[in-house]
């Protein structure tokens, strides 16, 4: 494949870099410290065209391909993993499935506010017993006259504490596992919806919350796609999301490497820069090679997605390699900076906490290995 960028892609990525440098960078530490969802920043991201990035221009989106989208997420993640994930959830997990599966009425209702920042979206799939085993859904949508009664609890929903609408997955009938899973667009102001905010080690300010639904009445117009199509919709959304999470991880990993390089060039020990010691040089070389390997996989997965492929296996490979490589980069960078990195409030300390989640959300590293293995041996995922 061709790894060169068009002028249009370059211009869009530069817009994301500018947004990261001028809008995200100055508030990144405060977002982490306060652990408060940056609603105003989401509106600013909309003005920069960073919501609905892959959505057609005719529907109000930026109309870029997945390569430009992924590189834009990476550029923002260099300043804040939290903001990058907020944008990933909106773009890959809410706007894209809505654009692909929604009725004209659903698109007209929800796409404009999601893309212009007046509404925040969330993706509610995980449950206490349905994390890695995501098909083990206990939430139910019971047919009731002209609609459904939704009941259940979703856990660790990113954007959930601030979201106006959530894409919620639930079983509609007595069919087992994925054959019964159906997707619903649920306005979170509906009676019977309650939110339970959560705190986390890293990506603080992501607005993670458990969402509880107690006989929430939904009309037929809330269903996204056909009854039983929810599992397919979820898997496709997650494949796109994993490409973006790989990009987010790369942003964090390269920032960690940059911090380690800067310190290795300046810090003196035993009469020379610590970067002149082979022990440090080899660590830096390994991290650079590790991250570049992840970059090639991310480009490959993004290009496949742009060409219309679901890209489930390339996306799993990219997320697995990028998240683990970035984790190693943050870990080694903290070791190189030693006490200067370990102190609370240092940039490396925040990167170290933030990157750990990339190996967990949108499918753990173990699940990525399972997806890859099943594709290799010919099993359905």
Protein backbone atom coordinates (compact mmCIF):
# COMPACT_ATOMS: atom_id res chain seq x y z
CA UNK A 1 0.00 0.00 0.00
CA UNK A 2 1.01 3.64 -0.49
CA UNK A 3 1.89 5.36 2.80
CA UNK A 4 2.02 8.84 1.25
CA UNK A 5 -0.68 11.37 2.11
CA UNK A 6 -2.71 13.57 -0.19
CA UNK A 7 -2.75 17.32 0.24
CA UNK A 8 -6.30 17.06 1.60
CA UNK A 9 -5.27 14.48 4.20
CA UNK A 10 -2.26 16.58 5.18
CA UNK A 11 -4.41 19.67 5.64
CA UNK A 12 -6.91 17.84 7.83
CA UNK A 13 -4.21 16.27 10.01
CA UNK A 14 -2.55 19.65 10.41
CA UNK A 15 -5.89 21.02 11.59
CA UNK A 16 -5.98 18.29 14.24
CA UNK A 17 -2.38 19.07 15.26
CA UNK A 18 -3.28 22.74 15.66
CA UNK A 19 -6.35 21.87 17.72
CA UNK A 20 -4.25 19.62 19.94
CA UNK A 21 -1.50 22.19 20.43
CA UNK A 22 -3.72 25.27 20.93
CA UNK A 23 -6.83 23.88 22.61
CA UNK A 24 -6.04 20.51 24.19
CA UNK A 25 -2.46 20.95 25.38
CA UNK A 26 -3.12 23.95 27.66
CA UNK A 27 -5.91 22.14 29.56
CA UNK A 28 -4.73 18.49 29.44
CA UNK A 29 -3.25 18.47 32.94
CA UNK A 30 -6.33 20.18 34.38
CA UNK A 31 -8.66 17.63 32.76
CA UNK A 32 -6.68 14.87 34.44
CA UNK A 33 -6.50 16.65 37.79
CA UNK A 34 -10.19 17.60 37.94
CA UNK A 35 -11.46 14.38 36.31
CA UNK A 36 -14.26 16.42 34.78
CA UNK A 37 -15.67 15.78 31.30
CA UNK A 38 -14.49 18.67 29.06
CA UNK A 39 -17.81 19.55 27.49
CA UNK A 40 -16.64 22.94 26.21
CA UNK A 41 -13.67 21.28 24.49
CA UNK A 42 -16.03 18.92 22.67
CA UNK A 43 -17.79 21.95 21.19
CA UNK A 44 -14.42 23.37 20.15
CA UNK A 45 -13.56 20.03 18.52
CA UNK A 46 -16.78 20.27 16.52
CA UNK A 47 -15.73 23.67 15.21
CA UNK A 48 -12.48 22.06 14.03
CA UNK A 49 -14.39 19.32 12.18
CA UNK A 50 -13.25 16.57 14.56
CA UNK A 51 -16.69 15.10 15.26
CA UNK A 52 -18.07 12.99 12.43
CA UNK A 53 -14.63 12.89 10.80
CA UNK A 54 -15.46 10.04 8.40
CA UNK A 55 -19.06 11.16 7.90
CA UNK A 56 -19.95 12.39 4.40
CA UNK A 57 -19.80 16.14 3.92
CA UNK A 58 -23.41 16.04 2.70
CA UNK A 59 -24.39 14.98 6.23
CA UNK A 60 -22.24 17.59 7.92
CA UNK A 61 -19.08 15.54 8.45
CA UNK A 62 -15.49 16.15 7.42
CA UNK A 63 -15.60 13.37 4.81
CA UNK A 64 -12.05 12.12 5.42
CA UNK A 65 -10.90 8.53 5.10
CA UNK A 66 -9.81 6.30 7.98
CA UNK A 67 -6.12 7.02 7.51
CA UNK A 68 -6.62 10.75 8.02
CA UNK A 69 -9.03 10.05 10.89
CA UNK A 70 -6.55 7.78 12.66
CA UNK A 71 -3.66 10.22 12.23
CA UNK A 72 -5.85 13.05 13.57
CA UNK A 73 -6.64 10.97 16.68
CA UNK A 74 -2.91 10.28 17.12
CA UNK A 75 -2.12 14.00 16.89
CA UNK A 76 -4.64 14.82 19.62
CA UNK A 77 -3.51 11.91 21.82
CA UNK A 78 -0.02 13.39 21.93
CA UNK A 79 -1.59 16.06 24.14
CA UNK A 80 -4.39 14.16 25.90
CA UNK A 81 -5.40 10.51 25.73
CA UNK A 82 -8.69 11.46 27.37
CA UNK A 83 -9.73 13.87 24.64
CA UNK A 84 -8.60 11.44 21.94
CA UNK A 85 -10.81 8.68 23.40
CA UNK A 86 -13.79 11.02 23.74
CA UNK A 87 -13.50 11.75 20.02
CA UNK A 88 -12.99 8.06 19.21
CA UNK A 89 -16.21 7.10 20.99
CA UNK A 90 -18.19 9.80 19.20
CA UNK A 91 -16.77 9.08 15.75
CA UNK A 92 -16.34 5.30 15.59
CA UNK A 93 -18.86 4.02 18.10
CA UNK A 94 -21.82 6.38 17.69
CA UNK A 95 -21.74 8.49 14.51
CA UNK A 96 -20.52 5.74 12.16
CA UNK A 97 -23.08 3.06 13.16
CA UNK A 98 -25.83 5.70 13.15
CA UNK A 99 -24.85 6.82 9.65
CA UNK A 100 -24.63 3.23 8.39
CA UNK A 101 -27.70 1.72 10.03
CA UNK A 102 -30.02 4.57 10.93
CA UNK A 103 -33.27 5.53 9.29
CA UNK A 104 -33.56 8.94 7.68
CA UNK A 105 -35.46 10.14 10.74
CA UNK A 106 -32.81 8.85 13.15
CA UNK A 107 -30.02 10.46 11.17
CA UNK A 108 -31.86 13.76 10.95
CA UNK A 109 -32.52 13.74 14.68
CA UNK A 110 -29.11 12.74 15.99
CA UNK A 111 -26.34 13.33 13.45
CA UNK A 112 -26.45 17.17 13.39
CA UNK A 113 -26.18 17.64 17.19
CA UNK A 114 -23.53 14.94 17.52
CA UNK A 115 -21.41 16.44 14.75
CA UNK A 116 -21.79 20.07 15.83
CA UNK A 117 -21.08 19.32 19.48
CA UNK A 118 -24.50 20.13 20.89
CA UNK A 119 -24.91 16.48 21.90
CA UNK A 120 -22.50 13.88 23.25
CA UNK A 121 -22.87 10.19 22.39
CA UNK A 122 -21.94 7.01 24.27
CA UNK A 123 -21.64 3.31 23.41
CA UNK A 124 -23.18 1.00 26.01
CA UNK A 125 -22.26 -2.64 25.42
CA UNK A 126 -20.29 -3.89 28.44
CA UNK A 127 -21.97 -5.40 31.50
CA UNK A 128 -20.69 -7.02 34.68
CA UNK A 129 -20.95 -10.44 33.01
CA UNK A 130 -20.44 -9.20 29.46
CA UNK A 131 -17.01 -7.61 29.21
CA UNK A 132 -14.69 -9.76 27.15
CA UNK A 133 -17.66 -12.11 26.67
CA UNK A 134 -19.65 -9.23 25.23
CA UNK A 135 -22.32 -11.48 23.70
CA UNK A 136 -23.42 -12.53 27.19
CA UNK A 137 -25.91 -9.68 27.41
CA UNK A 138 -28.32 -9.61 30.37
CA UNK A 139 -30.01 -6.32 29.50
CA UNK A 140 -33.43 -6.85 27.93
CA UNK A 141 -35.70 -4.87 25.65
CA UNK A 142 -39.13 -6.39 26.20
CA UNK A 143 -41.67 -5.78 23.41
CA UNK A 144 -44.54 -3.74 24.82
CA UNK A 145 -47.24 -2.51 22.50
CA UNK A 146 -45.71 -0.06 20.03
CA UNK A 147 -42.22 -0.30 21.45
CA UNK A 148 -40.00 -1.80 24.14
CA UNK A 149 -39.26 -1.62 27.85
CA UNK A 150 -35.48 -1.49 28.36
CA UNK A 151 -33.98 -2.81 31.59
CA UNK A 152 -30.42 -3.57 32.61
CA UNK A 153 -27.13 -2.05 33.69
CA UNK A 154 -24.19 -1.11 31.48
CA UNK A 155 -20.79 -0.63 33.05
CA UNK A 156 -17.78 1.60 32.38
CA UNK A 157 -19.53 3.56 29.64
CA UNK A 158 -17.08 6.16 28.28
CA UNK A 159 -18.74 9.60 27.86
CA UNK A 160 -21.63 8.13 29.88
CA UNK A 161 -21.72 10.79 32.58
CA UNK A 162 -22.10 13.58 30.01
CA UNK A 163 -23.85 11.84 27.10
CA UNK A 164 -27.20 12.93 25.70
CA UNK A 165 -27.76 9.71 23.77
CA UNK A 166 -26.34 6.21 24.09
CA UNK A 167 -26.20 3.35 21.63
CA UNK A 168 -27.41 0.56 23.92
CA UNK A 169 -27.36 -3.18 23.21
CA UNK A 170 -29.94 -5.53 24.71
CA UNK A 171 -31.65 -8.88 24.12
CA UNK A 172 -35.12 -8.58 22.59
CA UNK A 173 -36.39 -12.16 22.78
CA UNK A 174 -35.47 -15.56 24.11
CA UNK A 175 -32.89 -16.35 21.45
CA UNK A 176 -29.47 -17.22 22.88
CA UNK A 177 -26.52 -14.85 22.88
CA UNK A 178 -25.81 -12.77 19.80
CA UNK A 179 -28.89 -13.88 17.80
CA UNK A 180 -31.06 -11.82 20.13
CA UNK A 181 -28.92 -8.71 20.54
CA UNK A 182 -30.47 -5.52 19.20
CA UNK A 183 -29.21 -1.93 19.18
CA UNK A 184 -31.19 1.05 20.46
CA UNK A 185 -30.63 4.80 20.43
CA UNK A 186 -31.59 5.82 23.94
CA UNK A 187 -31.94 9.50 24.98
CA UNK A 188 -30.44 9.54 28.46
CA UNK A 189 -32.93 12.10 29.75
CA UNK A 190 -35.70 9.47 29.52
CA UNK A 191 -37.47 8.46 32.76
CA UNK A 192 -35.96 5.31 34.22
CA UNK A 193 -32.35 6.13 33.24
CA UNK A 194 -29.84 6.68 36.04
CA UNK A 195 -26.12 7.35 35.92
CA UNK A 196 -23.47 6.23 38.38
CA UNK A 197 -20.17 8.09 37.75
CA UNK A 198 -16.90 6.19 38.14
CA UNK A 199 -13.35 7.25 38.90
CA UNK A 200 -10.38 5.63 37.21
CA UNK A 201 -6.60 5.43 37.40
CA UNK A 202 -6.05 7.08 34.02
CA UNK A 203 -7.92 8.82 31.18
CA UNK A 204 -9.57 10.85 33.92
CA UNK A 205 -12.25 13.20 32.61
CA UNK A 206 -13.53 10.58 30.18
CA UNK A 207 -16.91 10.71 31.90
CA UNK A 208 -17.03 6.98 32.63
CA UNK A 209 -20.26 5.89 34.29
CA UNK A 210 -22.47 2.90 34.81
CA UNK A 211 -25.85 3.41 33.14
CA UNK A 212 -28.89 1.78 34.70
CA UNK A 213 -32.16 1.32 32.80
CA UNK A 214 -35.37 0.53 34.70
CA UNK A 215 -38.27 -0.14 32.32
CA UNK A 216 -37.27 2.72 30.04
CA UNK A 217 -40.01 3.04 27.46
CA UNK A 218 -38.74 3.17 23.88
CA UNK A 219 -40.65 3.44 20.63
CA UNK A 220 -39.91 1.37 17.55
CA UNK A 221 -38.14 4.43 16.22
CA UNK A 222 -35.43 3.95 18.86
CA UNK A 223 -34.28 0.64 17.38
CA UNK A 224 -31.15 0.93 15.23
CA UNK A 225 -31.26 -1.69 12.51
CA UNK A 226 -33.24 -4.92 12.59
CA UNK A 227 -34.03 -7.03 15.62
CA UNK A 228 -31.04 -9.32 16.11
CA UNK A 229 -28.66 -7.08 14.11
CA UNK A 230 -27.07 -5.57 17.20
CA UNK A 231 -24.15 -7.97 17.44
CA UNK A 232 -23.07 -7.27 13.86
CA UNK A 233 -23.44 -3.52 14.45
CA UNK A 234 -21.37 -3.73 17.64
CA UNK A 235 -18.57 -5.74 16.03
CA UNK A 236 -18.30 -3.39 13.06
CA UNK A 237 -18.23 -0.33 15.32
CA UNK A 238 -15.58 -1.91 17.54
CA UNK A 239 -13.37 -2.74 14.55
CA UNK A 240 -13.34 0.94 13.62
CA UNK A 241 -12.87 1.94 17.23
CA UNK A 242 -9.86 -0.35 17.58
CA UNK A 243 -8.10 1.35 14.69
CA UNK A 244 -8.65 4.66 16.47
CA UNK A 245 -7.49 3.26 19.82
CA UNK A 246 -4.32 2.04 18.11
CA UNK A 247 -3.80 5.61 16.91
CA UNK A 248 -4.50 6.98 20.37
CA UNK A 249 -1.95 4.59 21.86
CA UNK A 250 0.64 5.64 19.30
CA UNK A 251 0.15 9.27 20.27
CA UNK A 252 0.80 8.44 23.91
CA UNK A 253 3.71 6.12 23.11
CA UNK A 254 5.51 8.63 20.91
CA UNK A 255 5.05 11.36 23.50
CA UNK A 256 6.58 9.07 26.13
CA UNK A 257 9.50 8.35 23.81
CA UNK A 258 9.97 12.07 23.16
CA UNK A 259 10.05 12.76 26.91
CA UNK A 260 12.64 10.00 27.42
CA UNK A 261 14.80 11.28 24.55
CA UNK A 262 14.75 14.85 25.83
CA UNK A 263 15.75 13.72 29.31
CA UNK A 264 18.47 11.39 28.01
CA UNK A 265 20.03 14.29 26.09
CA UNK A 266 20.07 16.61 29.11
CA UNK A 267 20.54 14.53 32.26
CA UNK A 268 24.16 14.19 33.33
CA UNK A 269 25.58 11.23 35.27
CA UNK A 270 29.18 10.12 35.77
CA UNK A 271 30.42 13.02 33.67
CA UNK A 272 28.29 12.46 30.59
CA UNK A 273 24.72 12.53 29.29
CA UNK A 274 22.80 9.40 30.26
CA UNK A 275 21.90 9.08 26.58
CA UNK A 276 25.56 8.31 25.89
CA UNK A 277 25.30 5.09 27.89
CA UNK A 278 24.59 2.06 25.72
CA UNK A 279 22.10 0.71 28.27
CA UNK A 280 19.89 3.77 27.69
CA UNK A 281 20.52 3.87 23.94
CA UNK A 282 19.35 0.28 23.46
CA UNK A 283 16.15 0.93 25.40
CA UNK A 284 15.38 3.97 23.25
CA UNK A 285 16.17 2.06 20.05
CA UNK A 286 13.86 -0.80 21.04
CA UNK A 287 11.02 1.59 21.84
CA UNK A 288 11.39 3.44 18.53
CA UNK A 289 11.34 0.18 16.55
CA UNK A 290 8.40 -1.14 18.59
CA UNK A 291 6.31 1.98 17.95
CA UNK A 292 7.13 2.10 14.24
CA UNK A 293 6.00 -1.53 13.86
CA UNK A 294 2.74 -0.53 15.50
CA UNK A 295 2.45 2.43 13.14
CA UNK A 296 2.67 0.17 10.09
CA UNK A 297 -0.12 -2.03 11.45
CA UNK A 298 -2.26 1.00 12.24
CA UNK A 299 -1.81 2.36 8.70
CA UNK A 300 -2.62 -1.05 7.26
CA UNK A 301 -5.80 -1.39 9.32
CA UNK A 302 -6.90 2.18 8.59
CA UNK A 303 -6.30 1.72 4.87
CA UNK A 304 -8.30 -1.53 4.86
CA UNK A 305 -11.14 0.24 6.67
CA UNK A 306 -11.04 3.08 4.14
CA UNK A 307 -11.38 0.56 1.30
CA UNK A 308 -14.64 -0.81 2.73
CA UNK A 309 -13.25 -3.81 4.60
CA UNK A 310 -14.56 -4.32 8.15
CA UNK A 311 -10.87 -4.87 8.97
CA UNK A 312 -11.58 -6.89 12.11
CA UNK A 313 -8.27 -8.76 12.11
CA UNK A 314 -6.01 -5.85 11.05
CA UNK A 315 -7.74 -3.66 13.63
CA UNK A 316 -7.15 -6.26 16.34
CA UNK A 317 -3.49 -6.54 15.35
CA UNK A 318 -3.06 -2.77 15.34
CA UNK A 319 -4.71 -2.28 18.72
CA UNK A 320 -2.77 -5.15 20.29
CA UNK A 321 0.63 -4.01 19.02
CA UNK A 322 0.10 -0.28 19.55
CA UNK A 323 -1.37 -0.50 23.06
CA UNK A 324 1.33 -2.86 24.32
CA UNK A 325 4.16 -0.97 22.58
CA UNK A 326 2.92 2.32 24.04
CA UNK A 327 2.67 0.77 27.49
CA UNK A 328 6.28 -0.38 27.20
CA UNK A 329 7.28 3.11 26.04
CA UNK A 330 5.63 4.78 29.04
CA UNK A 331 7.14 2.23 31.41
CA UNK A 332 10.68 2.59 30.02
CA UNK A 333 10.36 6.37 29.86
CA UNK A 334 9.46 6.46 33.54
CA UNK A 335 12.49 4.28 34.29
CA UNK A 336 14.78 6.60 32.33
CA UNK A 337 13.39 9.71 34.02
CA UNK A 338 13.42 7.90 37.39
CA UNK A 339 12.24 10.20 40.20
CA UNK A 340 11.63 13.05 37.75
CA UNK A 341 9.01 10.88 36.02
CA UNK A 342 7.60 9.15 39.08
CA UNK A 343 6.50 12.31 40.86
CA UNK A 344 2.81 13.16 40.84
CA UNK A 345 1.97 15.72 38.19
CA UNK A 346 4.79 14.92 35.79
CA UNK A 347 3.82 14.34 32.18
CA UNK A 348 5.24 10.82 32.20
CA UNK A 349 3.23 9.95 35.30
CA UNK A 350 0.02 10.94 33.47
CA UNK A 351 1.02 9.07 30.30
CA UNK A 352 1.85 5.98 32.38
CA UNK A 353 -1.62 6.00 33.96
CA UNK A 354 -3.46 6.85 30.76
CA UNK A 355 -1.96 4.21 28.49
CA UNK A 356 -2.80 1.26 30.71
CA UNK A 357 -6.45 1.49 29.74
CA UNK A 358 -5.67 1.04 26.03
CA UNK A 359 -4.98 -2.64 26.73
CA UNK A 360 -8.44 -2.99 28.32
CA UNK A 361 -11.15 -0.88 26.67
CA UNK A 362 -12.75 -1.82 23.35
CA UNK A 363 -11.46 -5.35 23.89
CA UNK A 364 -8.59 -6.48 26.09
CA UNK A 365 -5.28 -7.60 24.64
CA UNK A 366 -6.38 -11.17 25.30
CA UNK A 367 -9.50 -10.64 23.20
CA UNK A 368 -7.45 -9.12 20.37
CA UNK A 369 -5.30 -12.25 20.33
CA UNK A 370 -8.47 -14.35 20.23
CA UNK A 371 -9.88 -12.35 17.31
CA UNK A 372 -6.61 -12.74 15.40
CA UNK A 373 -6.37 -16.46 16.13
CA UNK A 374 -9.96 -17.15 15.08
CA UNK A 375 -9.43 -15.37 11.79
CA UNK A 376 -6.25 -17.31 11.20
CA UNK A 377 -7.86 -20.69 11.73
CA UNK A 378 -11.11 -19.80 10.00
CA UNK A 379 -13.56 -19.52 12.88
CA UNK A 380 -16.21 -16.84 13.00
CA UNK A 381 -15.54 -14.17 15.63
